[in-house]
N, C-alpha and C. Protein backbone atom coordinates (compact mmCIF):
# COMPACT_ATOMS: atom_id res chain seq x y z
N MET A 1 39.41 111.63 29.11
CA MET A 1 38.27 110.88 28.70
C MET A 1 37.67 109.85 29.71
N LYS A 2 36.43 109.95 29.86
CA LYS A 2 35.79 108.93 30.80
C LYS A 2 35.58 107.58 30.13
N ASN A 3 35.81 106.51 30.75
CA ASN A 3 35.51 105.17 30.37
C ASN A 3 34.22 104.66 31.03
N ILE A 4 33.24 104.57 30.10
CA ILE A 4 31.92 104.14 30.70
C ILE A 4 31.93 102.57 30.37
N ASN A 5 31.47 101.96 31.49
CA ASN A 5 31.20 100.43 31.42
C ASN A 5 29.68 100.23 31.53
N GLU A 6 29.14 99.90 30.52
CA GLU A 6 27.72 99.57 30.49
C GLU A 6 27.50 98.06 30.66
N SER A 7 26.52 97.68 31.44
CA SER A 7 26.20 96.28 31.44
C SER A 7 24.73 96.17 31.35
N GLY A 8 24.29 95.03 30.76
CA GLY A 8 22.76 94.80 30.78
C GLY A 8 22.66 93.89 29.59
N ARG A 9 21.40 93.70 29.22
CA ARG A 9 20.98 92.77 28.14
C ARG A 9 20.62 93.56 26.91
N SER A 10 20.83 92.97 25.80
CA SER A 10 20.42 93.61 24.53
C SER A 10 19.00 93.21 24.31
N MET A 11 18.33 93.90 23.37
CA MET A 11 16.85 93.55 22.93
C MET A 11 16.84 92.10 22.32
N VAL A 12 17.82 91.67 21.55
CA VAL A 12 17.77 90.39 20.93
C VAL A 12 17.90 89.42 22.00
N GLU A 13 18.70 89.65 22.98
CA GLU A 13 18.70 88.52 24.07
C GLU A 13 17.48 88.49 24.92
N MET A 14 16.75 89.66 25.15
CA MET A 14 15.41 89.57 25.75
C MET A 14 14.37 88.95 24.93
N LEU A 15 14.41 89.11 23.59
CA LEU A 15 13.41 88.44 22.83
C LEU A 15 13.60 86.93 22.73
N GLY A 16 14.91 86.57 22.84
CA GLY A 16 15.25 85.17 22.92
C GLY A 16 14.68 84.53 24.15
N VAL A 17 14.89 85.05 25.27
CA VAL A 17 14.34 84.68 26.65
C VAL A 17 12.84 84.53 26.56
N LEU A 18 12.16 85.62 26.03
CA LEU A 18 10.68 85.57 25.80
C LEU A 18 10.25 84.37 24.93
N ALA A 19 10.87 84.12 23.95
CA ALA A 19 10.55 83.04 23.07
C ALA A 19 10.61 81.72 23.67
N ILE A 20 11.65 81.59 24.60
CA ILE A 20 11.88 80.27 25.38
C ILE A 20 10.70 80.17 26.40
N ILE A 21 10.49 81.34 27.05
CA ILE A 21 9.39 81.14 27.97
C ILE A 21 8.05 80.97 27.31
N GLY A 22 7.76 81.42 26.11
CA GLY A 22 6.51 81.16 25.41
C GLY A 22 6.48 79.62 25.02
N VAL A 23 7.46 79.13 24.58
CA VAL A 23 7.52 77.71 24.19
C VAL A 23 7.20 76.83 25.45
N LEU A 24 7.90 77.11 26.43
CA LEU A 24 7.61 76.35 27.67
C LEU A 24 6.17 76.49 28.18
N THR A 25 5.69 77.61 28.13
CA THR A 25 4.28 77.86 28.60
C THR A 25 3.26 77.11 27.66
N ALA A 26 3.52 77.10 26.42
CA ALA A 26 2.63 76.34 25.56
C ALA A 26 2.67 74.79 25.77
N GLY A 27 3.89 74.37 26.05
CA GLY A 27 4.03 72.92 26.50
C GLY A 27 3.20 72.64 27.75
N VAL A 28 3.57 73.47 28.64
CA VAL A 28 2.73 73.11 30.07
C VAL A 28 1.25 73.30 29.98
N MET A 29 0.75 74.27 29.06
CA MET A 29 -0.74 74.49 28.87
C MET A 29 -1.32 73.20 28.14
N SER A 30 -0.67 72.54 27.25
CA SER A 30 -1.19 71.58 26.53
C SER A 30 -1.10 70.25 27.47
N THR A 31 -0.06 70.08 28.37
CA THR A 31 -0.07 69.10 29.43
C THR A 31 -1.36 69.27 30.39
N VAL A 32 -1.42 70.37 30.75
CA VAL A 32 -2.64 70.65 31.71
C VAL A 32 -3.99 70.49 30.97
N ASN A 33 -4.07 70.94 29.80
CA ASN A 33 -5.48 70.67 29.17
C ASN A 33 -5.65 69.07 29.06
N TYR A 34 -4.69 68.36 28.53
CA TYR A 34 -4.75 66.95 28.57
C TYR A 34 -5.14 66.27 29.82
N GLY A 35 -4.49 66.79 30.98
CA GLY A 35 -4.86 66.39 32.23
C GLY A 35 -6.31 66.46 32.78
N ILE A 36 -6.69 67.69 32.31
CA ILE A 36 -8.18 68.17 32.75
C ILE A 36 -9.28 67.21 32.04
N GLU A 37 -8.90 66.99 30.70
CA GLU A 37 -9.68 66.25 29.91
C GLU A 37 -9.75 64.72 30.33
N SER A 38 -8.43 64.18 30.68
CA SER A 38 -8.55 62.99 31.16
C SER A 38 -9.24 62.81 32.50
N PHE A 39 -8.98 63.83 33.39
CA PHE A 39 -9.97 63.90 34.55
C PHE A 39 -11.44 63.84 34.34
N ARG A 40 -11.91 64.54 33.31
CA ARG A 40 -13.19 64.47 33.00
C ARG A 40 -13.71 63.28 32.55
N VAL A 41 -12.91 62.62 31.53
CA VAL A 41 -13.29 61.30 31.03
C VAL A 41 -13.36 60.26 32.18
N ARG A 42 -12.39 60.23 33.22
CA ARG A 42 -12.51 59.30 34.19
C ARG A 42 -13.68 59.60 35.14
N ALA A 43 -14.06 61.03 35.38
CA ALA A 43 -15.24 61.09 36.20
C ALA A 43 -16.46 60.68 35.70
N VAL A 44 -16.58 60.91 34.35
CA VAL A 44 -17.79 60.38 33.61
C VAL A 44 -17.80 58.85 33.65
N TYR A 45 -16.80 58.03 33.32
CA TYR A 45 -16.57 56.77 33.35
C TYR A 45 -17.09 56.34 34.85
N ASP A 46 -16.55 56.95 35.82
CA ASP A 46 -17.06 56.50 37.18
C ASP A 46 -18.36 56.73 37.47
N LEU A 47 -18.99 57.84 36.95
CA LEU A 47 -20.39 58.13 37.10
C LEU A 47 -21.25 57.00 36.48
N VAL A 48 -20.97 56.66 35.20
CA VAL A 48 -21.78 55.67 34.65
C VAL A 48 -21.68 54.29 35.22
N GLU A 49 -20.50 53.91 35.60
CA GLU A 49 -20.33 52.67 36.25
C GLU A 49 -21.01 52.54 37.66
N GLU A 50 -20.93 53.67 38.47
CA GLU A 50 -21.53 53.62 39.75
C GLU A 50 -23.16 53.72 39.65
N THR A 51 -23.58 54.56 38.55
CA THR A 51 -25.09 54.43 38.29
C THR A 51 -25.50 53.08 37.93
N ALA A 52 -24.80 52.46 37.09
CA ALA A 52 -25.21 51.00 36.70
C ALA A 52 -25.20 50.08 37.88
N ARG A 53 -24.16 50.24 38.76
CA ARG A 53 -24.27 49.31 39.94
C ARG A 53 -25.15 49.77 40.97
N GLY A 54 -25.55 51.08 41.11
CA GLY A 54 -26.47 51.43 42.05
C GLY A 54 -27.86 51.10 41.61
N VAL A 55 -28.26 51.19 40.18
CA VAL A 55 -29.51 50.57 39.80
C VAL A 55 -29.64 49.21 39.98
N ALA A 56 -28.49 48.52 39.64
CA ALA A 56 -28.57 46.99 39.76
C ALA A 56 -28.91 46.60 41.21
N ASP A 57 -28.22 47.39 42.24
CA ASP A 57 -28.47 47.02 43.54
C ASP A 57 -29.93 47.40 43.98
N LEU A 58 -30.38 48.47 43.53
CA LEU A 58 -31.63 48.89 43.79
C LEU A 58 -32.75 47.98 43.47
N TYR A 59 -32.51 47.30 42.37
CA TYR A 59 -33.54 46.23 41.85
C TYR A 59 -33.01 44.90 42.09
N SER A 60 -32.01 44.63 42.81
CA SER A 60 -31.42 43.36 43.08
C SER A 60 -32.51 42.32 43.65
N TRP A 61 -33.41 42.60 44.36
CA TRP A 61 -34.33 41.83 44.86
C TRP A 61 -35.60 41.27 44.00
N LYS A 62 -35.48 42.00 42.57
CA LYS A 62 -36.40 41.63 41.61
C LYS A 62 -35.88 41.00 40.58
N ARG A 63 -36.62 40.46 39.77
CA ARG A 63 -36.00 39.73 38.40
C ARG A 63 -36.04 40.68 37.24
N SER A 64 -36.64 41.93 37.38
CA SER A 64 -36.56 42.80 36.33
C SER A 64 -36.44 44.24 36.86
N TYR A 65 -36.29 45.23 35.92
CA TYR A 65 -36.33 46.54 36.35
C TYR A 65 -37.53 47.25 36.22
N ARG A 66 -38.75 46.49 36.23
CA ARG A 66 -40.01 47.12 36.02
C ARG A 66 -40.67 47.20 37.43
N ASP A 67 -41.20 48.26 37.66
CA ASP A 67 -42.05 48.55 39.12
C ASP A 67 -43.46 48.26 38.78
N ASP A 68 -43.94 48.54 37.53
CA ASP A 68 -45.32 48.45 37.18
C ASP A 68 -45.34 47.61 35.89
N GLU A 69 -45.57 46.26 35.88
CA GLU A 69 -45.39 45.52 34.72
C GLU A 69 -46.63 45.91 33.77
N ASP A 70 -47.69 46.29 34.17
CA ASP A 70 -49.00 46.46 33.36
C ASP A 70 -48.78 47.79 32.59
N ASN A 71 -48.10 48.77 33.08
CA ASN A 71 -48.20 50.11 32.47
C ASN A 71 -46.66 50.59 32.31
N PRO A 72 -46.14 50.48 31.05
CA PRO A 72 -44.74 50.98 30.81
C PRO A 72 -44.54 52.35 31.14
N THR A 73 -45.45 53.33 30.93
CA THR A 73 -45.40 54.67 31.22
C THR A 73 -45.24 54.94 32.73
N THR A 74 -46.01 54.28 33.59
CA THR A 74 -45.95 54.42 34.84
C THR A 74 -44.71 53.91 35.49
N ASN A 75 -44.16 52.71 34.75
CA ASN A 75 -43.09 52.06 35.14
C ASN A 75 -41.79 52.92 35.09
N ALA A 76 -41.66 53.58 33.81
CA ALA A 76 -40.64 54.52 33.56
C ALA A 76 -40.61 55.60 34.53
N SER A 77 -41.75 56.25 34.90
CA SER A 77 -41.71 57.31 35.87
C SER A 77 -41.35 56.81 37.35
N LEU A 78 -41.80 55.58 37.75
CA LEU A 78 -41.46 55.13 38.99
C LEU A 78 -39.95 54.75 39.02
N MET A 79 -39.44 54.18 37.96
CA MET A 79 -38.03 53.89 37.92
C MET A 79 -37.11 55.17 38.03
N ARG A 80 -37.38 56.16 37.21
CA ARG A 80 -36.62 57.36 37.16
C ARG A 80 -36.71 58.03 38.64
N SER A 81 -37.79 58.17 39.21
CA SER A 81 -37.79 58.72 40.51
C SER A 81 -37.10 57.92 41.55
N LYS A 82 -37.11 56.66 41.52
CA LYS A 82 -36.43 55.75 42.34
C LYS A 82 -34.96 56.01 42.33
N ILE A 83 -34.41 56.04 40.98
CA ILE A 83 -33.03 56.07 40.76
C ILE A 83 -32.50 57.47 41.18
N CYS A 84 -33.25 58.58 40.87
CA CYS A 84 -32.81 59.96 41.24
C CYS A 84 -32.74 59.97 42.84
N LYS A 85 -33.73 59.38 43.52
CA LYS A 85 -33.67 59.43 44.92
C LYS A 85 -32.59 58.55 45.64
N ASN A 86 -32.52 57.32 45.07
CA ASN A 86 -31.74 56.35 45.94
C ASN A 86 -30.30 56.20 45.19
N VAL A 87 -30.15 56.46 43.97
CA VAL A 87 -28.86 56.12 43.22
C VAL A 87 -27.96 57.44 43.10
N LEU A 88 -28.75 58.42 42.53
CA LEU A 88 -28.09 59.70 42.23
C LEU A 88 -28.20 60.78 43.38
N ASP A 89 -28.56 60.24 44.52
CA ASP A 89 -28.73 61.20 45.63
C ASP A 89 -29.25 62.54 45.49
N ASN A 90 -30.51 62.50 44.77
CA ASN A 90 -31.20 63.56 44.41
C ASN A 90 -30.45 64.74 43.80
N LYS A 91 -29.42 64.45 42.94
CA LYS A 91 -28.66 65.42 42.19
C LYS A 91 -29.19 65.57 40.83
N CYS A 92 -30.22 65.11 40.61
CA CYS A 92 -30.93 65.15 39.35
C CYS A 92 -31.38 66.61 38.94
N ILE A 93 -31.32 66.81 37.56
CA ILE A 93 -31.72 68.12 37.06
C ILE A 93 -33.14 68.43 37.51
N GLU A 94 -33.49 69.60 37.98
CA GLU A 94 -34.80 69.86 38.47
C GLU A 94 -35.82 69.66 37.34
N GLY A 95 -36.96 69.13 37.51
CA GLY A 95 -37.96 68.91 36.42
C GLY A 95 -37.84 67.66 35.72
N THR A 96 -36.74 66.85 36.05
CA THR A 96 -36.64 65.63 35.30
C THR A 96 -36.32 64.57 36.35
N HIS A 97 -36.58 63.29 35.92
CA HIS A 97 -36.19 62.23 36.79
C HIS A 97 -34.91 61.47 36.19
N ALA A 98 -34.00 61.13 37.04
CA ALA A 98 -32.96 60.20 36.60
C ALA A 98 -32.15 60.94 35.44
N THR A 99 -31.85 62.28 35.42
CA THR A 99 -31.06 62.95 34.49
C THR A 99 -30.10 63.86 35.38
N VAL A 100 -28.76 63.63 35.27
CA VAL A 100 -27.79 64.23 35.94
C VAL A 100 -26.80 64.87 34.98
N LYS A 101 -26.26 65.95 35.46
CA LYS A 101 -25.19 66.77 34.66
C LYS A 101 -23.87 66.01 34.73
N THR A 102 -23.03 66.07 33.62
CA THR A 102 -21.89 65.56 33.74
C THR A 102 -20.73 66.57 33.14
N ALA A 103 -19.57 66.28 32.92
CA ALA A 103 -18.59 67.27 32.45
C ALA A 103 -18.92 67.79 31.11
N TRP A 104 -19.74 67.16 30.35
CA TRP A 104 -20.12 67.85 28.94
C TRP A 104 -21.56 68.03 28.85
N GLY A 105 -22.41 67.05 29.15
CA GLY A 105 -23.79 67.22 28.82
C GLY A 105 -24.55 66.50 29.98
N THR A 106 -25.45 65.71 29.81
CA THR A 106 -26.17 64.92 30.67
C THR A 106 -26.13 63.46 30.72
N LEU A 107 -26.42 62.78 31.72
CA LEU A 107 -26.48 61.35 31.74
C LEU A 107 -28.12 60.96 31.95
N VAL A 108 -28.73 60.28 31.20
CA VAL A 108 -30.13 60.07 31.36
C VAL A 108 -30.22 58.51 31.57
N VAL A 109 -30.92 58.07 32.58
CA VAL A 109 -31.14 56.54 33.01
C VAL A 109 -32.59 56.37 32.72
N GLU A 110 -32.86 55.37 31.86
CA GLU A 110 -34.36 55.05 31.42
C GLU A 110 -34.41 53.46 31.56
N PRO A 111 -35.63 52.97 31.89
CA PRO A 111 -35.85 51.47 31.72
C PRO A 111 -35.87 51.18 30.23
N ASP A 112 -35.53 49.85 29.89
CA ASP A 112 -35.66 49.39 28.50
C ASP A 112 -37.07 48.98 28.37
N ASN A 113 -37.77 49.41 27.54
CA ASN A 113 -39.31 49.02 27.37
C ASN A 113 -39.45 47.75 26.73
N ASP A 114 -38.30 47.37 25.94
CA ASP A 114 -38.41 46.07 25.24
C ASP A 114 -37.90 44.99 26.06
N ASP A 115 -37.08 45.22 26.90
CA ASP A 115 -36.49 44.12 27.79
C ASP A 115 -36.51 44.47 29.23
N ALA A 116 -37.24 43.80 30.08
CA ALA A 116 -37.17 44.28 31.39
C ALA A 116 -35.99 43.83 32.31
N THR A 117 -35.13 43.13 31.67
CA THR A 117 -33.86 42.63 32.38
C THR A 117 -32.86 43.62 32.17
N GLN A 118 -33.02 44.80 31.60
CA GLN A 118 -31.91 45.63 31.33
C GLN A 118 -32.49 47.12 31.42
N PHE A 119 -31.62 47.98 31.42
CA PHE A 119 -31.99 49.33 31.41
C PHE A 119 -30.96 50.19 30.53
N LYS A 120 -31.25 51.24 30.15
CA LYS A 120 -30.49 52.19 29.21
C LYS A 120 -30.04 53.46 29.85
N MET A 121 -28.79 53.85 29.47
CA MET A 121 -28.30 55.09 29.86
C MET A 121 -27.81 55.87 28.60
N GLN A 122 -28.00 57.15 28.65
CA GLN A 122 -27.52 57.99 27.34
C GLN A 122 -26.74 59.04 27.95
N LEU A 123 -25.54 59.20 27.53
CA LEU A 123 -24.57 60.28 27.84
C LEU A 123 -24.53 61.16 26.68
N THR A 124 -24.87 62.51 26.90
CA THR A 124 -24.97 63.33 25.75
C THR A 124 -23.93 64.41 25.72
N GLY A 125 -23.58 64.98 24.53
CA GLY A 125 -22.70 65.99 24.49
C GLY A 125 -21.29 65.76 24.56
N VAL A 126 -20.69 64.56 24.26
CA VAL A 126 -19.30 64.10 24.36
C VAL A 126 -18.51 64.59 23.30
N PRO A 127 -17.41 65.34 23.47
CA PRO A 127 -16.66 65.80 22.45
C PRO A 127 -15.90 64.64 21.85
N TYR A 128 -15.29 64.79 20.57
CA TYR A 128 -14.67 63.87 19.88
C TYR A 128 -13.56 63.09 20.50
N GLY A 129 -12.61 63.74 21.09
CA GLY A 129 -11.51 63.04 21.75
C GLY A 129 -11.86 62.25 22.94
N SER A 130 -12.77 62.96 23.70
CA SER A 130 -13.24 62.22 24.97
C SER A 130 -14.09 60.93 24.59
N CYS A 131 -14.92 61.14 23.38
CA CYS A 131 -15.71 60.06 22.98
C CYS A 131 -14.83 58.86 22.66
N ASN A 132 -13.79 59.04 21.93
CA ASN A 132 -12.96 57.98 21.70
C ASN A 132 -12.28 57.43 22.83
N GLN A 133 -11.80 58.24 23.79
CA GLN A 133 -11.27 57.63 24.94
C GLN A 133 -12.27 56.74 25.72
N LEU A 134 -13.47 57.29 25.92
CA LEU A 134 -14.55 56.42 26.57
C LEU A 134 -14.97 55.27 25.89
N ARG A 135 -14.90 55.31 24.35
CA ARG A 135 -15.29 54.09 23.65
C ARG A 135 -14.21 53.07 23.78
N ASN A 136 -13.04 53.41 24.19
CA ASN A 136 -11.94 52.36 24.14
C ASN A 136 -11.68 51.79 25.56
N MET A 137 -12.59 52.37 26.66
CA MET A 137 -12.34 51.82 28.07
C MET A 137 -13.00 50.53 28.06
N GLU A 138 -12.46 49.82 29.12
CA GLU A 138 -13.00 48.55 29.55
C GLU A 138 -14.18 48.91 30.48
N TRP A 139 -15.32 48.57 29.88
CA TRP A 139 -16.63 48.65 30.73
C TRP A 139 -16.88 47.51 31.39
N VAL A 140 -17.31 47.65 32.86
CA VAL A 140 -17.41 46.42 33.55
C VAL A 140 -19.09 46.12 33.68
N ASN A 141 -19.77 47.21 33.97
CA ASN A 141 -21.22 46.92 34.38
C ASN A 141 -22.14 47.35 33.22
N VAL A 142 -21.59 47.86 32.21
CA VAL A 142 -22.46 48.21 31.08
C VAL A 142 -21.85 47.85 29.69
N SER A 143 -22.60 47.76 28.71
CA SER A 143 -22.06 47.68 27.38
C SER A 143 -22.36 48.96 26.60
N LEU A 144 -21.38 49.39 25.75
CA LEU A 144 -21.49 50.64 25.08
C LEU A 144 -21.95 50.33 23.75
N ALA A 145 -23.20 50.86 23.30
CA ALA A 145 -23.82 50.59 21.93
C ALA A 145 -23.29 51.46 20.83
N THR A 146 -22.75 52.57 21.09
CA THR A 146 -22.11 53.44 20.24
C THR A 146 -20.91 53.03 19.55
N THR A 147 -20.74 52.95 18.29
CA THR A 147 -19.51 52.37 17.67
C THR A 147 -18.72 53.36 17.16
N ALA A 148 -19.15 54.64 16.77
CA ALA A 148 -18.37 55.74 16.16
C ALA A 148 -18.60 56.99 16.90
N CYS A 149 -17.59 57.83 16.96
CA CYS A 149 -17.64 59.19 17.40
C CYS A 149 -17.77 60.21 16.40
N ASN A 150 -18.49 61.25 16.50
CA ASN A 150 -18.56 62.28 15.43
C ASN A 150 -17.40 63.26 15.58
N GLU A 151 -16.77 63.35 14.39
CA GLU A 151 -15.46 64.07 14.37
C GLU A 151 -15.67 65.67 14.58
N ASN A 152 -16.71 66.20 13.90
CA ASN A 152 -17.04 67.66 13.89
C ASN A 152 -18.05 68.02 14.87
N SER A 153 -18.58 67.25 15.66
CA SER A 153 -19.64 67.62 16.67
C SER A 153 -19.56 66.68 17.80
N THR A 154 -20.54 66.95 18.78
CA THR A 154 -20.40 66.11 19.95
C THR A 154 -21.20 64.73 19.54
N THR A 155 -21.12 63.71 20.40
CA THR A 155 -21.63 62.56 20.19
C THR A 155 -22.60 62.20 21.55
N ASP A 156 -23.66 61.35 21.21
CA ASP A 156 -24.34 60.86 22.24
C ASP A 156 -24.08 59.41 22.33
N LEU A 157 -23.64 58.92 23.59
CA LEU A 157 -23.17 57.63 23.88
C LEU A 157 -24.43 56.92 24.47
N ASN A 158 -24.63 55.73 23.99
CA ASN A 158 -25.81 54.90 24.55
C ASN A 158 -25.13 53.57 25.27
N PHE A 159 -25.60 53.34 26.42
CA PHE A 159 -25.09 52.31 27.25
C PHE A 159 -26.20 51.24 27.60
N THR A 160 -26.00 50.04 27.55
CA THR A 160 -27.03 49.09 28.13
C THR A 160 -26.31 48.40 29.43
N ALA A 161 -27.25 48.35 30.41
CA ALA A 161 -26.81 47.86 31.70
C ALA A 161 -27.83 46.59 31.99
N TYR A 162 -27.14 45.59 32.64
CA TYR A 162 -27.99 44.38 32.88
C TYR A 162 -28.17 44.25 34.31
């Protein structure tokens, strides 16, 4: 009689190895997704802060953010084109003034028609988790007017800069 020595892995052992690999992959993917979302939040935070500083620097020689005191419509148009050209480096969405794409939606910069000493920024399309992260950050050059984030949809965040 021949003695046959077989070596190898059984099907159960292979399924166990595949299950372990699956659990490890799921853990790595959730960490990567969290890292990507944190990067997006930080990039948007930096964009809002830099835009606020840039607009403040652009108008630092004036006492207000108005270019045309007599005509608010002309003033808004002038301010948006100046911001697009000088602050946002002409990265504005074509056909608009002072609107730039972000990680989720757009950032729109507008003069405040009620108060010439401040201007407004609106960040659109922010997902719930990112909205909460942005809402809880320490803002330096702007104040965040939005107090709640929409759980089942995206939120528009409104900022006021001085």
